[in-house]
Structure formats: structure tokens, C-alpha cells
Amino acid sequence: MGMSFINWVGFVMLLLALLLNEAFLGINAWYELHVGALLAGVTWLVVGAALSMWPSPKDQRA
């Protein structure tokens, strides 16, 4: 089971989300976070997770 380019994009999105969360929201920025930023963050994580688990066309297992 190899990883395709789409899987790598999803993996990088999840890694980037983790790093940005630690860099910018690690202290006490959650108190001033707007709902739009929260929805954007959740959408980013859902898309990253979906892309990282996307089935590869090379995978022939049923």
C-alpha cells in the first residue's frame, strides 16, 4: 500500500495544522479566537484527514 501525492498533501496539511497550532495558539489565543477561524481550522483538519486516507488507484486490494 503506497502513498500517492494526494495522501502526502493530506499528511502535510495535518502536520502543518499541528505546527501552527503550537506556534500561534499555544498560550492563550483561544480566548480571542473568532468563530470563522474555528470553522476554517476544523475544515482544514477534515480535508487533511480525508486526503491522507484517500484510496490510491495503485492499491488493488478489495
PDB file of N, CA and C in Angstrom:
ATOM      1  N   MET A   1       0.838  -1.174   0.000  1.00  0.00           N
ATOM      2  CA  MET A   1       0.000   0.000   0.000  1.00  0.00           C
ATOM      3  C   MET A   1       0.884   1.238   0.000  1.00  0.00           C
ATOM      4  N   GLY A   2       1.038   1.850  -1.150  1.00  0.00           N
ATOM      5  CA  GLY A   2       1.857   3.038  -1.252  1.00  0.00           C
ATOM      6  C   GLY A   2       1.041   4.302  -1.083  1.00  0.00           C
ATOM      7  N   MET A   3       1.742   5.376  -0.809  1.00  0.00           N
ATOM      8  CA  MET A   3       1.068   6.659  -0.644  1.00  0.00           C
ATOM      9  C   MET A   3       1.178   7.454  -1.940  1.00  0.00           C
ATOM     10  N   SER A   4       0.051   7.978  -2.384  1.00  0.00           N
ATOM     11  CA  SER A   4       0.043   8.798  -3.591  1.00  0.00           C
ATOM     12  C   SER A   4       0.285  10.260  -3.211  1.00  0.00           C
ATOM     13  N   PHE A   5       0.327  11.112  -4.220  1.00  0.00           N
ATOM     14  CA  PHE A   5       0.552  12.538  -3.990  1.00  0.00           C
ATOM     15  C   PHE A   5      -0.568  13.136  -3.135  1.00  0.00           C
ATOM     16  N   ILE A   6      -1.798  12.700  -3.356  1.00  0.00           N
ATOM     17  CA  ILE A   6      -2.934  13.223  -2.585  1.00  0.00           C
ATOM     18  C   ILE A   6      -2.784  12.864  -1.109  1.00  0.00           C
ATOM     19  N   ASN A   7      -2.318  11.646  -0.822  1.00  0.00           N
ATOM     20  CA  ASN A   7      -2.096  11.240   0.557  1.00  0.00           C
ATOM     21  C   ASN A   7      -1.021  12.089   1.221  1.00  0.00           C
ATOM     22  N   TRP A   8       0.043  12.395   0.486  1.00  0.00           N
ATOM     23  CA  TRP A   8       1.104  13.228   1.031  1.00  0.00           C
ATOM     24  C   TRP A   8       0.629  14.647   1.302  1.00  0.00           C
ATOM     25  N   VAL A   9      -0.222  15.194   0.424  1.00  0.00           N
ATOM     26  CA  VAL A   9      -0.776  16.532   0.649  1.00  0.00           C
ATOM     27  C   VAL A   9      -1.598  16.544   1.928  1.00  0.00           C
ATOM     28  N   GLY A  10      -2.434  15.540   2.139  1.00  0.00           N
ATOM     29  CA  GLY A  10      -3.219  15.451   3.359  1.00  0.00           C
ATOM     30  C   GLY A  10      -2.349  15.318   4.592  1.00  0.00           C
ATOM     31  N   PHE A  11      -1.311  14.504   4.501  1.00  0.00           N
ATOM     32  CA  PHE A  11      -0.394  14.329   5.635  1.00  0.00           C
ATOM     33  C   PHE A  11       0.312  15.636   5.974  1.00  0.00           C
ATOM     34  N   VAL A  12       0.749  16.370   4.959  1.00  0.00           N
ATOM     35  CA  VAL A  12       1.419  17.660   5.186  1.00  0.00           C
ATOM     36  C   VAL A  12       0.437  18.677   5.775  1.00  0.00           C
ATOM     37  N   MET A  13      -0.821  18.636   5.318  1.00  0.00           N
ATOM     38  CA  MET A  13      -1.835  19.542   5.884  1.00  0.00           C
ATOM     39  C   MET A  13      -2.031  19.273   7.377  1.00  0.00           C
ATOM     40  N   LEU A  14      -2.082  18.009   7.770  1.00  0.00           N
ATOM     41  CA  LEU A  14      -2.253  17.675   9.179  1.00  0.00           C
ATOM     42  C   LEU A  14      -1.024  18.073   9.996  1.00  0.00           C
ATOM     43  N   LEU A  15       0.154  17.859   9.454  1.00  0.00           N
ATOM     44  CA  LEU A  15       1.382  18.241  10.144  1.00  0.00           C
ATOM     45  C   LEU A  15       1.480  19.759  10.292  1.00  0.00           C
ATOM     46  N   LEU A  16       1.127  20.482   9.239  1.00  0.00           N
ATOM     47  CA  LEU A  16       1.149  21.945   9.281  1.00  0.00           C
ATOM     48  C   LEU A  16       0.133  22.470  10.293  1.00  0.00           C
ATOM     49  N   ALA A  17      -1.027  21.841  10.383  1.00  0.00           N
ATOM     50  CA  ALA A  17      -2.028  22.251  11.366  1.00  0.00           C
ATOM     51  C   ALA A  17      -1.501  22.065  12.788  1.00  0.00           C
ATOM     52  N   LEU A  18      -0.811  20.974  13.022  1.00  0.00           N
ATOM     53  CA  LEU A  18      -0.243  20.737  14.348  1.00  0.00           C
ATOM     54  C   LEU A  18       0.816  21.776  14.690  1.00  0.00           C
ATOM     55  N   LEU A  19       1.699  22.063  13.739  1.00  0.00           N
ATOM     56  CA  LEU A  19       2.765  23.033  13.990  1.00  0.00           C
ATOM     57  C   LEU A  19       2.221  24.445  14.185  1.00  0.00           C
ATOM     58  N   LEU A  20       1.244  24.844  13.373  1.00  0.00           N
ATOM     59  CA  LEU A  20       0.674  26.182  13.513  1.00  0.00           C
ATOM     60  C   LEU A  20      -0.125  26.312  14.804  1.00  0.00           C
ATOM     61  N   ASN A  21      -0.776  25.241  15.211  1.00  0.00           N
ATOM     62  CA  ASN A  21      -1.498  25.280  16.478  1.00  0.00           C
ATOM     63  C   ASN A  21      -0.540  25.517  17.639  1.00  0.00           C
ATOM     64  N   GLU A  22       0.575  24.836  17.639  1.00  0.00           N
ATOM     65  CA  GLU A  22       1.548  25.010  18.710  1.00  0.00           C
ATOM     66  C   GLU A  22       2.213  26.380  18.648  1.00  0.00           C
ATOM     67  N   ALA A  23       2.430  26.894  17.455  1.00  0.00           N
ATOM     68  CA  ALA A  23       3.135  28.166  17.315  1.00  0.00           C
ATOM     69  C   ALA A  23       2.256  29.364  17.672  1.00  0.00           C
ATOM     70  N   PHE A  24       1.005  29.362  17.219  1.00  0.00           N
ATOM     71  CA  PHE A  24       0.180  30.547  17.359  1.00  0.00           C
ATOM     72  C   PHE A  24      -0.900  30.447  18.429  1.00  0.00           C
ATOM     73  N   LEU A  25      -1.355  29.256  18.734  1.00  0.00           N
ATOM     74  CA  LEU A  25      -2.465  29.117  19.671  1.00  0.00           C
ATOM     75  C   LEU A  25      -2.066  28.418  20.960  1.00  0.00           C
ATOM     76  N   GLY A  26      -0.794  28.275  21.189  1.00  0.00           N
ATOM     77  CA  GLY A  26      -0.344  27.511  22.340  1.00  0.00           C
ATOM     78  C   GLY A  26      -0.527  28.193  23.670  1.00  0.00           C
ATOM     79  N   ILE A  27      -0.535  29.521  23.715  1.00  0.00           N
ATOM     80  CA  ILE A  27      -0.546  30.191  25.017  1.00  0.00           C
ATOM     81  C   ILE A  27      -1.976  30.465  25.485  1.00  0.00           C
ATOM     82  N   ASN A  28      -2.566  31.552  25.014  1.00  0.00           N
ATOM     83  CA  ASN A  28      -3.927  31.873  25.449  1.00  0.00           C
ATOM     84  C   ASN A  28      -4.717  32.566  24.344  1.00  0.00           C
ATOM     85  N   ALA A  29      -4.401  32.273  23.107  1.00  0.00           N
ATOM     86  CA  ALA A  29      -5.086  32.915  21.987  1.00  0.00           C
ATOM     87  C   ALA A  29      -6.493  32.379  21.788  1.00  0.00           C
ATOM     88  N   TRP A  30      -6.844  31.264  22.434  1.00  0.00           N
ATOM     89  CA  TRP A  30      -8.181  30.707  22.258  1.00  0.00           C
ATOM     90  C   TRP A  30      -9.261  31.651  22.776  1.00  0.00           C
ATOM     91  N   TYR A  31      -8.908  32.539  23.714  1.00  0.00           N
ATOM     92  CA  TYR A  31      -9.911  33.430  24.280  1.00  0.00           C
ATOM     93  C   TYR A  31     -10.362  34.490  23.279  1.00  0.00           C
ATOM     94  N   GLU A  32      -9.529  34.825  22.324  1.00  0.00           N
ATOM     95  CA  GLU A  32      -9.869  35.846  21.356  1.00  0.00           C
ATOM     96  C   GLU A  32     -10.066  35.270  19.953  1.00  0.00           C
ATOM     97  N   LEU A  33     -10.274  33.996  19.853  1.00  0.00           N
ATOM     98  CA  LEU A  33     -10.455  33.339  18.566  1.00  0.00           C
ATOM     99  C   LEU A  33     -11.898  33.497  18.096  1.00  0.00           C
ATOM    100  N   HIS A  34     -12.073  33.857  16.846  1.00  0.00           N
ATOM    101  CA  HIS A  34     -13.403  34.060  16.291  1.00  0.00           C
ATOM    102  C   HIS A  34     -13.963  32.759  15.738  1.00  0.00           C
ATOM    103  N   VAL A  35     -15.276  32.724  15.577  1.00  0.00           N
ATOM    104  CA  VAL A  35     -15.947  31.524  15.088  1.00  0.00           C
ATOM    105  C   VAL A  35     -15.498  31.199  13.666  1.00  0.00           C
ATOM    106  N   GLY A  36     -15.250  32.209  12.840  1.00  0.00           N
ATOM    107  CA  GLY A  36     -14.789  31.969  11.475  1.00  0.00           C
ATOM    108  C   GLY A  36     -13.452  31.255  11.439  1.00  0.00           C
ATOM    109  N   ALA A  37     -12.543  31.639  12.326  1.00  0.00           N
ATOM    110  CA  ALA A  37     -11.244  30.970  12.387  1.00  0.00           C
ATOM    111  C   ALA A  37     -11.394  29.538  12.883  1.00  0.00           C
ATOM    112  N   LEU A  38     -12.314  29.322  13.796  1.00  0.00           N
ATOM    113  CA  LEU A  38     -12.552  27.973  14.296  1.00  0.00           C
ATOM    114  C   LEU A  38     -13.112  27.082  13.195  1.00  0.00           C
ATOM    115  N   LEU A  39     -14.072  27.599  12.431  1.00  0.00           N
ATOM    116  CA  LEU A  39     -14.629  26.816  11.326  1.00  0.00           C
ATOM    117  C   LEU A  39     -13.585  26.540  10.248  1.00  0.00           C
ATOM    118  N   ALA A  40     -12.738  27.514   9.969  1.00  0.00           N
ATOM    119  CA  ALA A  40     -11.670  27.303   8.988  1.00  0.00           C
ATOM    120  C   ALA A  40     -10.694  26.228   9.471  1.00  0.00           C
ATOM    121  N   GLY A  41     -10.373  26.240  10.756  1.00  0.00           N
ATOM    122  CA  GLY A  41      -9.469  25.237  11.308  1.00  0.00           C
ATOM    123  C   GLY A  41     -10.052  23.837  11.271  1.00  0.00           C
ATOM    124  N   VAL A  42     -11.314  23.715  11.616  1.00  0.00           N
ATOM    125  CA  VAL A  42     -11.969  22.403  11.579  1.00  0.00           C
ATOM    126  C   VAL A  42     -12.065  21.901  10.140  1.00  0.00           C
ATOM    127  N   THR A  43     -12.403  22.797   9.214  1.00  0.00           N
ATOM    128  CA  THR A  43     -12.462  22.409   7.802  1.00  0.00           C
ATOM    129  C   THR A  43     -11.094  21.953   7.316  1.00  0.00           C
ATOM    130  N   TRP A  44     -10.051  22.663   7.694  1.00  0.00           N
ATOM    131  CA  TRP A  44      -8.673  22.308   7.312  1.00  0.00           C
ATOM    132  C   TRP A  44      -8.341  20.901   7.797  1.00  0.00           C
ATOM    133  N   LEU A  45      -8.697  20.587   9.044  1.00  0.00           N
ATOM    134  CA  LEU A  45      -8.399  19.268   9.598  1.00  0.00           C
ATOM    135  C   LEU A  45      -9.198  18.168   8.916  1.00  0.00           C
ATOM    136  N   VAL A  46     -10.463  18.429   8.614  1.00  0.00           N
ATOM    137  CA  VAL A  46     -11.290  17.421   7.958  1.00  0.00           C
ATOM    138  C   VAL A  46     -10.767  17.136   6.554  1.00  0.00           C
ATOM    139  N   VAL A  47     -10.417  18.180   5.813  1.00  0.00           N
ATOM    140  CA  VAL A  47      -9.886  17.985   4.457  1.00  0.00           C
ATOM    141  C   VAL A  47      -8.535  17.267   4.516  1.00  0.00           C
ATOM    142  N   GLY A  48      -7.681  17.646   5.450  1.00  0.00           N
ATOM    143  CA  GLY A  48      -6.381  16.982   5.591  1.00  0.00           C
ATOM    144  C   GLY A  48      -6.518  15.514   5.935  1.00  0.00           C
ATOM    145  N   ALA A  49      -7.444  15.192   6.839  1.00  0.00           N
ATOM    146  CA  ALA A  49      -7.658  13.785   7.203  1.00  0.00           C
ATOM    147  C   ALA A  49      -8.239  12.999   6.037  1.00  0.00           C
ATOM    148  N   ALA A  50      -9.170  13.613   5.311  1.00  0.00           N
ATOM    149  CA  ALA A  50      -9.779  12.917   4.173  1.00  0.00           C
ATOM    150  C   ALA A  50      -8.750  12.650   3.079  1.00  0.00           C
ATOM    151  N   LEU A  51      -7.903  13.631   2.804  1.00  0.00           N
ATOM    152  CA  LEU A  51      -6.888  13.437   1.766  1.00  0.00           C
ATOM    153  C   LEU A  51      -5.829  12.428   2.182  1.00  0.00           C
ATOM    154  N   SER A  52      -5.486  12.398   3.461  1.00  0.00           N
ATOM    155  CA  SER A  52      -4.456  11.449   3.899  1.00  0.00           C
ATOM    156  C   SER A  52      -4.961  10.011   3.852  1.00  0.00           C
ATOM    157  N   MET A  53      -6.284   9.810   3.929  1.00  0.00           N
ATOM    158  CA  MET A  53      -6.844   8.458   3.865  1.00  0.00           C
ATOM    159  C   MET A  53      -7.424   8.130   2.492  1.00  0.00           C
ATOM    160  N   TRP A  54      -7.252   9.000   1.521  1.00  0.00           N
ATOM    161  CA  TRP A  54      -7.812   8.797   0.186  1.00  0.00           C
ATOM    162  C   TRP A  54      -7.223   7.526  -0.433  1.00  0.00           C
ATOM    163  N   PRO A  55      -8.048   6.650  -1.010  1.00  0.00           N
ATOM    164  CA  PRO A  55      -7.509   5.410  -1.568  1.00  0.00           C
ATOM    165  C   PRO A  55      -6.671   5.670  -2.814  1.00  0.00           C
ATOM    166  N   SER A  56      -5.584   4.967  -2.902  1.00  0.00           N
ATOM    167  CA  SER A  56      -4.685   5.104  -4.039  1.00  0.00           C
ATOM    168  C   SER A  56      -5.186   4.259  -5.200  1.00  0.00           C
ATOM    169  N   PRO A  57      -5.106   4.779  -6.436  1.00  0.00           N
ATOM    170  CA  PRO A  57      -5.523   3.960  -7.587  1.00  0.00           C
ATOM    171  C   PRO A  57      -4.613   2.750  -7.798  1.00  0.00           C
ATOM    172  N   LYS A  58      -3.427   2.765  -7.225  1.00  0.00           N
ATOM    173  CA  LYS A  58      -2.500   1.636  -7.373  1.00  0.00           C
ATOM    174  C   LYS A  58      -2.825   0.501  -6.413  1.00  0.00           C
ATOM    175  N   ASP A  59      -3.635   0.787  -5.403  1.00  0.00           N
ATOM    176  CA  ASP A  59      -3.998  -0.228  -4.406  1.00  0.00           C
ATOM    177  C   ASP A  59      -5.071  -1.148  -4.989  1.00  0.00           C
ATOM    178  N   GLN A  60      -4.751  -2.415  -5.159  1.00  0.00           N
ATOM    179  CA  GLN A  60      -5.657  -3.364  -5.809  1.00  0.00           C
ATOM    180  C   GLN A  60      -6.360  -4.287  -4.813  1.00  0.00           C
ATOM    181  N   ARG A  61      -6.197  -4.043  -3.527  1.00  0.00           N
ATOM    182  CA  ARG A  61      -6.865  -4.890  -2.549  1.00  0.00           C
ATOM    183  C   ARG A  61      -8.350  -4.589  -2.528  1.00  0.00           C
ATOM    184  N   ALA A  62      -9.169  -5.596  -2.305  1.00  0.00           N
ATOM    185  CA  ALA A  62     -10.629  -5.412  -2.270  1.00  0.00           C
ATOM    186  C   ALA A  62     -11.122  -5.412  -0.849  1.00  0.00           C
TER     187      ALA A  62
END
